[in-house]
């Protein structure tokens, strides 16, 4: 059974999410509906968690793409994403998101 990384998040969940199995397709769909409703309503606070994740796993690249900061700034740091941070992202955000882009 998957559970939130921090159980305190359960205290603030909208009822639409609280009744669904955490991380299930129905849970993700309900989270996406809340996000879309809040966006349309220009809500000052979001009830949903992110529905889309863009994660950069490394800044070490041997390509020379003219639009990329890594190419434009040769002094930019070349690092790999720490595995513990990646695992934290997986625990805390994957259950909500419908789209993941590496």
PDB file of N, CA and C in Angstrom:
ATOM      1  N   UNK A   1       0.845  -1.187   0.000  1.00  0.00           N
ATOM      2  CA  UNK A   1       0.000   0.000   0.000  1.00  0.00           C
ATOM      3  C   UNK A   1       0.884   1.241   0.000  1.00  0.00           C
ATOM      4  N   UNK A   2       0.681   2.093  -0.966  1.00  0.00           N
ATOM      5  CA  UNK A   2       1.427   3.345  -1.050  1.00  0.00           C
ATOM      6  C   UNK A   2       0.776   4.368  -0.115  1.00  0.00           C
ATOM      7  N   UNK A   3       1.603   5.186   0.519  1.00  0.00           N
ATOM      8  CA  UNK A   3       1.105   6.196   1.459  1.00  0.00           C
ATOM      9  C   UNK A   3       1.894   7.480   1.254  1.00  0.00           C
ATOM     10  N   UNK A   4       1.323   8.619   1.636  1.00  0.00           N
ATOM     11  CA  UNK A   4       2.058   9.882   1.497  1.00  0.00           C
ATOM     12  C   UNK A   4       3.352   9.857   2.300  1.00  0.00           C
ATOM     13  N   UNK A   5       4.376  10.527   1.799  1.00  0.00           N
ATOM     14  CA  UNK A   5       5.654  10.603   2.495  1.00  0.00           C
ATOM     15  C   UNK A   5       5.492  11.265   3.854  1.00  0.00           C
ATOM     16  N   UNK A   6       4.624  12.253   3.932  1.00  0.00           N
ATOM     17  CA  UNK A   6       4.354  12.946   5.192  1.00  0.00           C
ATOM     18  C   UNK A   6       2.865  12.798   5.493  1.00  0.00           C
ATOM     19  N   UNK A   7       2.503  12.002   6.491  1.00  0.00           N
ATOM     20  CA  UNK A   7       1.084  11.761   6.780  1.00  0.00           C
ATOM     21  C   UNK A   7       0.299  13.025   7.140  1.00  0.00           C
ATOM     22  N   UNK A   8       0.983  14.105   7.505  1.00  0.00           N
ATOM     23  CA  UNK A   8       0.280  15.347   7.841  1.00  0.00           C
ATOM     24  C   UNK A   8      -0.468  15.925   6.649  1.00  0.00           C
ATOM     25  N   UNK A   9      -0.056  15.537   5.433  1.00  0.00           N
ATOM     26  CA  UNK A   9      -0.727  16.031   4.240  1.00  0.00           C
ATOM     27  C   UNK A   9      -2.188  15.580   4.217  1.00  0.00           C
ATOM     28  N   UNK A  10      -2.481  14.457   4.849  1.00  0.00           N
ATOM     29  CA  UNK A  10      -3.856  13.943   4.892  1.00  0.00           C
ATOM     30  C   UNK A  10      -4.805  14.922   5.578  1.00  0.00           C
ATOM     31  N   UNK A  11      -4.301  15.699   6.513  1.00  0.00           N
ATOM     32  CA  UNK A  11      -5.126  16.653   7.262  1.00  0.00           C
ATOM     33  C   UNK A  11      -5.661  17.763   6.369  1.00  0.00           C
ATOM     34  N   UNK A  12      -4.980  18.043   5.272  1.00  0.00           N
ATOM     35  CA  UNK A  12      -5.359  19.170   4.416  1.00  0.00           C
ATOM     36  C   UNK A  12      -5.893  18.740   3.060  1.00  0.00           C
ATOM     37  N   UNK A  13      -6.040  17.449   2.835  1.00  0.00           N
ATOM     38  CA  UNK A  13      -6.546  16.976   1.558  1.00  0.00           C
ATOM     39  C   UNK A  13      -7.987  17.369   1.351  1.00  0.00           C
ATOM     40  N   UNK A  14      -8.337  17.769   0.145  1.00  0.00           N
ATOM     41  CA  UNK A  14      -9.749  17.976  -0.182  1.00  0.00           C
ATOM     42  C   UNK A  14     -10.484  16.637  -0.083  1.00  0.00           C
ATOM     43  N   UNK A  15     -11.768  16.683   0.229  1.00  0.00           N
ATOM     44  CA  UNK A  15     -12.545  15.454   0.372  1.00  0.00           C
ATOM     45  C   UNK A  15     -12.538  14.633  -0.913  1.00  0.00           C
ATOM     46  N   UNK A  16     -12.411  15.285  -2.068  1.00  0.00           N
ATOM     47  CA  UNK A  16     -12.381  14.572  -3.346  1.00  0.00           C
ATOM     48  C   UNK A  16     -11.209  13.592  -3.421  1.00  0.00           C
ATOM     49  N   UNK A  17     -10.119  13.915  -2.744  1.00  0.00           N
ATOM     50  CA  UNK A  17      -8.945  13.046  -2.765  1.00  0.00           C
ATOM     51  C   UNK A  17      -8.947  12.070  -1.592  1.00  0.00           C
ATOM     52  N   UNK A  18      -9.443  12.508  -0.464  1.00  0.00           N
ATOM     53  CA  UNK A  18      -9.375  11.699   0.754  1.00  0.00           C
ATOM     54  C   UNK A  18     -10.101  10.368   0.631  1.00  0.00           C
ATOM     55  N   UNK A  19     -11.107  10.309  -0.206  1.00  0.00           N
ATOM     56  CA  UNK A  19     -11.895   9.076  -0.315  1.00  0.00           C
ATOM     57  C   UNK A  19     -11.333   8.087  -1.335  1.00  0.00           C
ATOM     58  N   UNK A  20     -10.265   8.447  -2.024  1.00  0.00           N
ATOM     59  CA  UNK A  20      -9.710   7.600  -3.092  1.00  0.00           C
ATOM     60  C   UNK A  20      -8.393   6.970  -2.662  1.00  0.00           C
ATOM     61  N   UNK A  21      -8.055   5.790  -3.214  1.00  0.00           N
ATOM     62  CA  UNK A  21      -6.762   5.162  -2.898  1.00  0.00           C
ATOM     63  C   UNK A  21      -5.609   6.050  -3.375  1.00  0.00           C
ATOM     64  N   UNK A  22      -4.710   6.378  -2.465  1.00  0.00           N
ATOM     65  CA  UNK A  22      -3.591   7.267  -2.738  1.00  0.00           C
ATOM     66  C   UNK A  22      -2.760   6.744  -3.906  1.00  0.00           C
ATOM     67  N   UNK A  23      -2.563   7.590  -4.917  1.00  0.00           N
ATOM     68  CA  UNK A  23      -1.733   7.252  -6.064  1.00  0.00           C
ATOM     69  C   UNK A  23      -2.440   6.474  -7.160  1.00  0.00           C
ATOM     70  N   UNK A  24      -3.691   6.107  -6.949  1.00  0.00           N
ATOM     71  CA  UNK A  24      -4.429   5.338  -7.955  1.00  0.00           C
ATOM     72  C   UNK A  24      -4.773   6.228  -9.154  1.00  0.00           C
ATOM     73  N   UNK A  25      -5.129   5.615 -10.292  1.00  0.00           N
ATOM     74  CA  UNK A  25      -5.548   6.427 -11.445  1.00  0.00           C
ATOM     75  C   UNK A  25      -6.722   7.356 -11.109  1.00  0.00           C
ATOM     76  N   UNK A  26      -7.654   6.881 -10.305  1.00  0.00           N
ATOM     77  CA  UNK A  26      -8.793   7.730  -9.911  1.00  0.00           C
ATOM     78  C   UNK A  26      -8.314   8.902  -9.054  1.00  0.00           C
ATOM     79  N   UNK A  27      -7.351   8.649  -8.186  1.00  0.00           N
ATOM     80  CA  UNK A  27      -6.770   9.701  -7.342  1.00  0.00           C
ATOM     81  C   UNK A  27      -6.087  10.756  -8.210  1.00  0.00           C
ATOM     82  N   UNK A  28      -5.289  10.297  -9.189  1.00  0.00           N
ATOM     83  CA  UNK A  28      -4.592  11.224 -10.087  1.00  0.00           C
ATOM     84  C   UNK A  28      -5.588  12.039 -10.908  1.00  0.00           C
ATOM     85  N   UNK A  29      -6.656  11.387 -11.364  1.00  0.00           N
ATOM     86  CA  UNK A  29      -7.674  12.089 -12.155  1.00  0.00           C
ATOM     87  C   UNK A  29      -8.386  13.142 -11.311  1.00  0.00           C
ATOM     88  N   UNK A  30      -8.708  12.810 -10.074  1.00  0.00           N
ATOM     89  CA  UNK A  30      -9.365  13.775  -9.184  1.00  0.00           C
ATOM     90  C   UNK A  30      -8.432  14.948  -8.894  1.00  0.00           C
ATOM     91  N   UNK A  31      -7.154  14.672  -8.690  1.00  0.00           N
ATOM     92  CA  UNK A  31      -6.177  15.733  -8.460  1.00  0.00           C
ATOM     93  C   UNK A  31      -6.099  16.650  -9.683  1.00  0.00           C
ATOM     94  N   UNK A  32      -6.102  16.062 -10.885  1.00  0.00           N
ATOM     95  CA  UNK A  32      -6.062  16.852 -12.119  1.00  0.00           C
ATOM     96  C   UNK A  32      -7.321  17.705 -12.264  1.00  0.00           C
ATOM     97  N   UNK A  33      -8.476  17.156 -11.897  1.00  0.00           N
ATOM     98  CA  UNK A  33      -9.732  17.938 -11.959  1.00  0.00           C
ATOM     99  C   UNK A  33      -9.662  19.141 -11.019  1.00  0.00           C
ATOM    100  N   UNK A  34      -9.176  18.909  -9.806  1.00  0.00           N
ATOM    101  CA  UNK A  34      -9.047  20.025  -8.857  1.00  0.00           C
ATOM    102  C   UNK A  34      -8.111  21.097  -9.399  1.00  0.00           C
ATOM    103  N   UNK A  35      -7.000  20.677  -9.964  1.00  0.00           N
ATOM    104  CA  UNK A  35      -6.038  21.640 -10.521  1.00  0.00           C
ATOM    105  C   UNK A  35      -6.666  22.444 -11.643  1.00  0.00           C
ATOM    106  N   UNK A  36      -7.388  21.781 -12.533  1.00  0.00           N
ATOM    107  CA  UNK A  36      -8.036  22.471 -13.656  1.00  0.00           C
ATOM    108  C   UNK A  36      -9.114  23.433 -13.162  1.00  0.00           C
ATOM    109  N   UNK A  37      -9.919  23.013 -12.200  1.00  0.00           N
ATOM    110  CA  UNK A  37     -10.965  23.884 -11.637  1.00  0.00           C
ATOM    111  C   UNK A  37     -10.348  25.127 -11.003  1.00  0.00           C
ATOM    112  N   UNK A  38      -9.289  24.940 -10.232  1.00  0.00           N
ATOM    113  CA  UNK A  38      -8.640  26.076  -9.576  1.00  0.00           C
ATOM    114  C   UNK A  38      -7.995  27.019 -10.582  1.00  0.00           C
ATOM    115  N   UNK A  39      -7.455  26.464 -11.649  1.00  0.00           N
ATOM    116  CA  UNK A  39      -6.847  27.302 -12.689  1.00  0.00           C
ATOM    117  C   UNK A  39      -7.905  28.167 -13.368  1.00  0.00           C
ATOM    118  N   UNK A  40      -9.021  27.563 -13.729  1.00  0.00           N
ATOM    119  CA  UNK A  40     -10.103  28.297 -14.388  1.00  0.00           C
ATOM    120  C   UNK A  40     -10.667  29.370 -13.457  1.00  0.00           C
ATOM    121  N   UNK A  41     -10.784  29.033 -12.168  1.00  0.00           N
ATOM    122  CA  UNK A  41     -11.358  29.963 -11.198  1.00  0.00           C
ATOM    123  C   UNK A  41     -10.354  31.023 -10.735  1.00  0.00           C
ATOM    124  N   UNK A  42      -9.112  30.923 -11.199  1.00  0.00           N
ATOM    125  CA  UNK A  42      -8.042  31.821 -10.741  1.00  0.00           C
ATOM    126  C   UNK A  42      -7.970  31.824  -9.215  1.00  0.00           C
ATOM    127  N   UNK A  43      -8.066  30.640  -8.645  1.00  0.00           N
ATOM    128  CA  UNK A  43      -8.061  30.487  -7.189  1.00  0.00           C
ATOM    129  C   UNK A  43      -6.741  30.984  -6.612  1.00  0.00           C
ATOM    130  N   UNK A  44      -6.796  31.677  -5.474  1.00  0.00           N
ATOM    131  CA  UNK A  44      -5.555  32.184  -4.871  1.00  0.00           C
ATOM    132  C   UNK A  44      -4.693  31.060  -4.278  1.00  0.00           C
ATOM    133  N   UNK A  45      -5.312  29.914  -3.967  1.00  0.00           N
ATOM    134  CA  UNK A  45      -4.582  28.768  -3.432  1.00  0.00           C
ATOM    135  C   UNK A  45      -5.011  27.524  -4.205  1.00  0.00           C
ATOM    136  N   UNK A  46      -4.067  26.680  -4.515  1.00  0.00           N
ATOM    137  CA  UNK A  46      -4.376  25.436  -5.231  1.00  0.00           C
ATOM    138  C   UNK A  46      -4.759  24.348  -4.239  1.00  0.00           C
ATOM    139  N   UNK A  47      -5.811  23.633  -4.551  1.00  0.00           N
ATOM    140  CA  UNK A  47      -6.209  22.485  -3.735  1.00  0.00           C
ATOM    141  C   UNK A  47      -5.459  21.239  -4.165  1.00  0.00           C
ATOM    142  N   UNK A  48      -4.910  21.246  -5.360  1.00  0.00           N
ATOM    143  CA  UNK A  48      -4.251  20.071  -5.927  1.00  0.00           C
ATOM    144  C   UNK A  48      -2.736  20.162  -5.789  1.00  0.00           C
ATOM    145  N   UNK A  49      -2.134  19.016  -5.898  1.00  0.00           N
ATOM    146  CA  UNK A  49      -0.681  18.938  -6.001  1.00  0.00           C
ATOM    147  C   UNK A  49      -0.334  18.992  -7.493  1.00  0.00           C
ATOM    148  N   UNK A  50       0.943  19.121  -7.844  1.00  0.00           N
ATOM    149  CA  UNK A  50       1.314  19.186  -9.256  1.00  0.00           C
ATOM    150  C   UNK A  50       0.825  17.963 -10.029  1.00  0.00           C
ATOM    151  N   UNK A  51       0.368  18.209 -11.248  1.00  0.00           N
ATOM    152  CA  UNK A  51      -0.104  17.117 -12.100  1.00  0.00           C
ATOM    153  C   UNK A  51       0.932  16.758 -13.158  1.00  0.00           C
ATOM    154  N   UNK A  52       1.964  17.556 -13.252  1.00  0.00           N
ATOM    155  CA  UNK A  52       3.011  17.372 -14.250  1.00  0.00           C
ATOM    156  C   UNK A  52       4.343  17.659 -13.592  1.00  0.00           C
ATOM    157  N   UNK A  53       5.310  16.766 -13.787  1.00  0.00           N
ATOM    158  CA  UNK A  53       6.636  16.919 -13.185  1.00  0.00           C
ATOM    159  C   UNK A  53       7.671  16.973 -14.298  1.00  0.00           C
ATOM    160  N   UNK A  54       8.533  17.962 -14.262  1.00  0.00           N
ATOM    161  CA  UNK A  54       9.673  18.068 -15.165  1.00  0.00           C
ATOM    162  C   UNK A  54      10.906  17.986 -14.279  1.00  0.00           C
ATOM    163  N   UNK A  55      11.644  16.912 -14.392  1.00  0.00           N
ATOM    164  CA  UNK A  55      12.758  16.658 -13.494  1.00  0.00           C
ATOM    165  C   UNK A  55      14.061  16.581 -14.279  1.00  0.00           C
ATOM    166  N   UNK A  56      15.027  17.381 -13.901  1.00  0.00           N
ATOM    167  CA  UNK A  56      16.349  17.342 -14.515  1.00  0.00           C
ATOM    168  C   UNK A  56      17.221  16.421 -13.675  1.00  0.00           C
ATOM    169  N   UNK A  57      17.617  15.311 -14.255  1.00  0.00           N
ATOM    170  CA  UNK A  57      18.388  14.324 -13.496  1.00  0.00           C
ATOM    171  C   UNK A  57      19.893  14.578 -13.563  1.00  0.00           C
ATOM    172  N   UNK A  58      20.312  15.367 -14.535  1.00  0.00           N
ATOM    173  CA  UNK A  58      21.741  15.673 -14.654  1.00  0.00           C
ATOM    174  C   UNK A  58      21.938  16.995 -15.389  1.00  0.00           C
ATOM    175  N   UNK A  59      23.031  17.644 -15.078  1.00  0.00           N
ATOM    176  CA  UNK A  59      23.429  18.827 -15.834  1.00  0.00           C
ATOM    177  C   UNK A  59      24.736  18.542 -16.582  1.00  0.00           C
ATOM    178  N   UNK A  60      25.157  17.291 -16.562  1.00  0.00           N
ATOM    179  CA  UNK A  60      26.351  16.883 -17.301  1.00  0.00           C
ATOM    180  C   UNK A  60      25.905  16.403 -18.679  1.00  0.00           C
ATOM    181  N   UNK A  61      26.309  17.121 -19.699  1.00  0.00           N
ATOM    182  CA  UNK A  61      25.867  16.795 -21.049  1.00  0.00           C
ATOM    183  C   UNK A  61      26.997  17.101 -22.034  1.00  0.00           C
ATOM    184  N   UNK A  62      27.154  16.246 -23.019  1.00  0.00           N
ATOM    185  CA  UNK A  62      28.201  16.475 -24.014  1.00  0.00           C
ATOM    186  C   UNK A  62      27.657  17.057 -25.314  1.00  0.00           C
ATOM    187  N   UNK A  63      26.359  17.367 -25.350  1.00  0.00           N
ATOM    188  CA  UNK A  63      25.783  18.004 -26.528  1.00  0.00           C
ATOM    189  C   UNK A  63      26.063  19.502 -26.492  1.00  0.00           C
ATOM    190  N   UNK A  64      25.919  20.147 -27.606  1.00  0.00           N
ATOM    191  CA  UNK A  64      26.175  21.581 -27.685  1.00  0.00           C
ATOM    192  C   UNK A  64      24.969  22.285 -28.301  1.00  0.00           C
ATOM    193  N   UNK A  65      23.833  22.154 -27.638  1.00  0.00           N
ATOM    194  CA  UNK A  65      22.593  22.765 -28.116  1.00  0.00           C
ATOM    195  C   UNK A  65      22.675  24.277 -27.911  1.00  0.00           C
ATOM    196  N   UNK A  66      22.493  25.030 -28.991  1.00  0.00           N
ATOM    197  CA  UNK A  66      22.678  26.478 -28.931  1.00  0.00           C
ATOM    198  C   UNK A  66      21.705  27.178 -27.989  1.00  0.00           C
ATOM    199  N   UNK A  67      20.574  26.556 -27.637  1.00  0.00           N
ATOM    200  CA  UNK A  67      19.589  27.200 -26.777  1.00  0.00           C
ATOM    201  C   UNK A  67      19.734  26.795 -25.308  1.00  0.00           C
ATOM    202  N   UNK A  68      20.701  25.960 -24.996  1.00  0.00           N
ATOM    203  CA  UNK A  68      20.827  25.399 -23.647  1.00  0.00           C
ATOM    204  C   UNK A  68      21.835  26.184 -22.800  1.00  0.00           C
ATOM    205  N   UNK A  69      21.458  26.434 -21.562  1.00  0.00           N
ATOM    206  CA  UNK A  69      22.355  27.140 -20.642  1.00  0.00           C
ATOM    207  C   UNK A  69      23.642  26.365 -20.391  1.00  0.00           C
ATOM    208  N   UNK A  70      23.575  25.045 -20.433  1.00  0.00           N
ATOM    209  CA  UNK A  70      24.779  24.243 -20.211  1.00  0.00           C
ATOM    210  C   UNK A  70      25.827  24.529 -21.287  1.00  0.00           C
ATOM    211  N   UNK A  71      25.390  24.745 -22.506  1.00  0.00           N
ATOM    212  CA  UNK A  71      26.310  25.065 -23.597  1.00  0.00           C
ATOM    213  C   UNK A  71      26.724  26.534 -23.535  1.00  0.00           C
ATOM    214  N   UNK A  72      25.780  27.419 -23.247  1.00  0.00           N
ATOM    215  CA  UNK A  72      26.064  28.855 -23.238  1.00  0.00           C
ATOM    216  C   UNK A  72      26.986  29.268 -22.104  1.00  0.00           C
ATOM    217  N   UNK A  73      26.922  28.541 -20.994  1.00  0.00           N
ATOM    218  CA  UNK A  73      27.764  28.859 -19.841  1.00  0.00           C
ATOM    219  C   UNK A  73      28.686  27.678 -19.549  1.00  0.00           C
ATOM    220  N   UNK A  74      29.884  27.697 -20.086  1.00  0.00           N
ATOM    221  CA  UNK A  74      30.796  26.566 -19.893  1.00  0.00           C
ATOM    222  C   UNK A  74      31.196  26.353 -18.436  1.00  0.00           C
ATOM    223  N   UNK A  75      30.956  27.344 -17.580  1.00  0.00           N
ATOM    224  CA  UNK A  75      31.302  27.218 -16.164  1.00  0.00           C
ATOM    225  C   UNK A  75      30.138  26.697 -15.304  1.00  0.00           C
ATOM    226  N   UNK A  76      29.020  26.393 -15.954  1.00  0.00           N
ATOM    227  CA  UNK A  76      27.883  25.891 -15.185  1.00  0.00           C
ATOM    228  C   UNK A  76      28.242  24.540 -14.570  1.00  0.00           C
ATOM    229  N   UNK A  77      27.730  24.261 -13.372  1.00  0.00           N
ATOM    230  CA  UNK A  77      28.097  23.011 -12.698  1.00  0.00           C
ATOM    231  C   UNK A  77      27.584  21.783 -13.455  1.00  0.00           C
ATOM    232  N   UNK A  78      28.359  20.742 -13.426  1.00  0.00           N
ATOM    233  CA  UNK A  78      27.998  19.459 -14.051  1.00  0.00           C
ATOM    234  C   UNK A  78      27.733  18.476 -12.910  1.00  0.00           C
ATOM    235  N   UNK A  79      26.464  18.221 -12.649  1.00  0.00           N
ATOM    236  CA  UNK A  79      26.104  17.390 -11.510  1.00  0.00           C
ATOM    237  C   UNK A  79      25.046  16.367 -11.891  1.00  0.00           C
ATOM    238  N   UNK A  80      24.941  15.334 -11.068  1.00  0.00           N
ATOM    239  CA  UNK A  80      23.913  14.310 -11.210  1.00  0.00           C
ATOM    240  C   UNK A  80      22.939  14.475 -10.039  1.00  0.00           C
ATOM    241  N   UNK A  81      21.667  14.169 -10.285  1.00  0.00           N
ATOM    242  CA  UNK A  81      20.659  14.227  -9.240  1.00  0.00           C
ATOM    243  C   UNK A  81      20.953  13.150  -8.204  1.00  0.00           C
ATOM    244  N   UNK A  82      20.993  13.542  -6.960  1.00  0.00           N
ATOM    245  CA  UNK A  82      21.236  12.614  -5.871  1.00  0.00           C
ATOM    246  C   UNK A  82      20.089  11.600  -5.784  1.00  0.00           C
ATOM    247  N   UNK A  83      20.408  10.351  -5.608  1.00  0.00           N
ATOM    248  CA  UNK A  83      19.389   9.299  -5.575  1.00  0.00           C
ATOM    249  C   UNK A  83      18.376   9.510  -4.446  1.00  0.00           C
ATOM    250  N   UNK A  84      18.815  10.001  -3.310  1.00  0.00           N
ATOM    251  CA  UNK A  84      17.891  10.246  -2.191  1.00  0.00           C
ATOM    252  C   UNK A  84      16.879  11.338  -2.538  1.00  0.00           C
ATOM    253  N   UNK A  85      17.315  12.353  -3.264  1.00  0.00           N
ATOM    254  CA  UNK A  85      16.391  13.411  -3.677  1.00  0.00           C
ATOM    255  C   UNK A  85      15.398  12.865  -4.688  1.00  0.00           C
ATOM    256  N   UNK A  86      15.877  12.045  -5.631  1.00  0.00           N
ATOM    257  CA  UNK A  86      14.976  11.435  -6.599  1.00  0.00           C
ATOM    258  C   UNK A  86      13.928  10.573  -5.883  1.00  0.00           C
ATOM    259  N   UNK A  87      14.353   9.781  -4.923  1.00  0.00           N
ATOM    260  CA  UNK A  87      13.417   8.934  -4.169  1.00  0.00           C
ATOM    261  C   UNK A  87      12.386   9.780  -3.418  1.00  0.00           C
ATOM    262  N   UNK A  88      12.806  10.912  -2.910  1.00  0.00           N
ATOM    263  CA  UNK A  88      11.875  11.810  -2.219  1.00  0.00           C
ATOM    264  C   UNK A  88      10.841  12.370  -3.201  1.00  0.00           C
ATOM    265  N   UNK A  89      11.287  12.753  -4.387  1.00  0.00           N
ATOM    266  CA  UNK A  89      10.365  13.234  -5.415  1.00  0.00           C
ATOM    267  C   UNK A  89       9.362  12.137  -5.771  1.00  0.00           C
ATOM    268  N   UNK A  90       9.853  10.924  -5.930  1.00  0.00           N
ATOM    269  CA  UNK A  90       8.968   9.795  -6.256  1.00  0.00           C
ATOM    270  C   UNK A  90       7.915   9.623  -5.169  1.00  0.00           C
ATOM    271  N   UNK A  91       8.328   9.626  -3.914  1.00  0.00           N
ATOM    272  CA  UNK A  91       7.386   9.444  -2.798  1.00  0.00           C
ATOM    273  C   UNK A  91       6.389  10.590  -2.694  1.00  0.00           C
ATOM    274  N   UNK A  92       6.869  11.819  -2.887  1.00  0.00           N
ATOM    275  CA  UNK A  92       6.034  12.976  -2.598  1.00  0.00           C
ATOM    276  C   UNK A  92       5.218  13.479  -3.784  1.00  0.00           C
ATOM    277  N   UNK A  93       5.676  13.274  -5.010  1.00  0.00           N
ATOM    278  CA  UNK A  93       4.977  13.859  -6.150  1.00  0.00           C
ATOM    279  C   UNK A  93       4.394  12.857  -7.139  1.00  0.00           C
ATOM    280  N   UNK A  94       5.043  11.724  -7.347  1.00  0.00           N
ATOM    281  CA  UNK A  94       4.542  10.762  -8.336  1.00  0.00           C
ATOM    282  C   UNK A  94       3.090  10.355  -8.093  1.00  0.00           C
ATOM    283  N   UNK A  95       2.669  10.127  -6.853  1.00  0.00           N
ATOM    284  CA  UNK A  95       1.291   9.689  -6.648  1.00  0.00           C
ATOM    285  C   UNK A  95       0.244  10.690  -7.157  1.00  0.00           C
ATOM    286  N   UNK A  96       0.599  11.955  -7.291  1.00  0.00           N
ATOM    287  CA  UNK A  96      -0.343  12.986  -7.742  1.00  0.00           C
ATOM    288  C   UNK A  96      -0.275  13.219  -9.244  1.00  0.00           C
ATOM    289  N   UNK A  97       0.916  13.090  -9.807  1.00  0.00           N
ATOM    290  CA  UNK A  97       1.157  13.514 -11.187  1.00  0.00           C
ATOM    291  C   UNK A  97       0.665  12.507 -12.211  1.00  0.00           C
ATOM    292  N   UNK A  98       0.185  13.038 -13.319  1.00  0.00           N
ATOM    293  CA  UNK A  98      -0.224  12.198 -14.449  1.00  0.00           C
ATOM    294  C   UNK A  98       0.859  12.169 -15.521  1.00  0.00           C
ATOM    295  N   UNK A  99       1.747  13.166 -15.505  1.00  0.00           N
ATOM    296  CA  UNK A  99       2.794  13.271 -16.521  1.00  0.00           C
ATOM    297  C   UNK A  99       4.132  13.482 -15.835  1.00  0.00           C
ATOM    298  N   UNK A 100       5.138  12.738 -16.320  1.00  0.00           N
ATOM    299  CA  UNK A 100       6.499  12.875 -15.805  1.00  0.00           C
ATOM    300  C   UNK A 100       7.417  13.049 -16.993  1.00  0.00           C
ATOM    301  N   UNK A 101       8.213  14.094 -16.964  1.00  0.00           N
ATOM    302  CA  UNK A 101       9.161  14.367 -18.045  1.00  0.00           C
ATOM    303  C   UNK A 101      10.550  14.440 -17.454  1.00  0.00           C
ATOM    304  N   UNK A 102      11.441  13.609 -17.961  1.00  0.00           N
ATOM    305  CA  UNK A 102      12.836  13.669 -17.521  1.00  0.00           C
ATOM    306  C   UNK A 102      13.629  14.476 -18.513  1.00  0.00           C
TER     307      UNK A 102
END
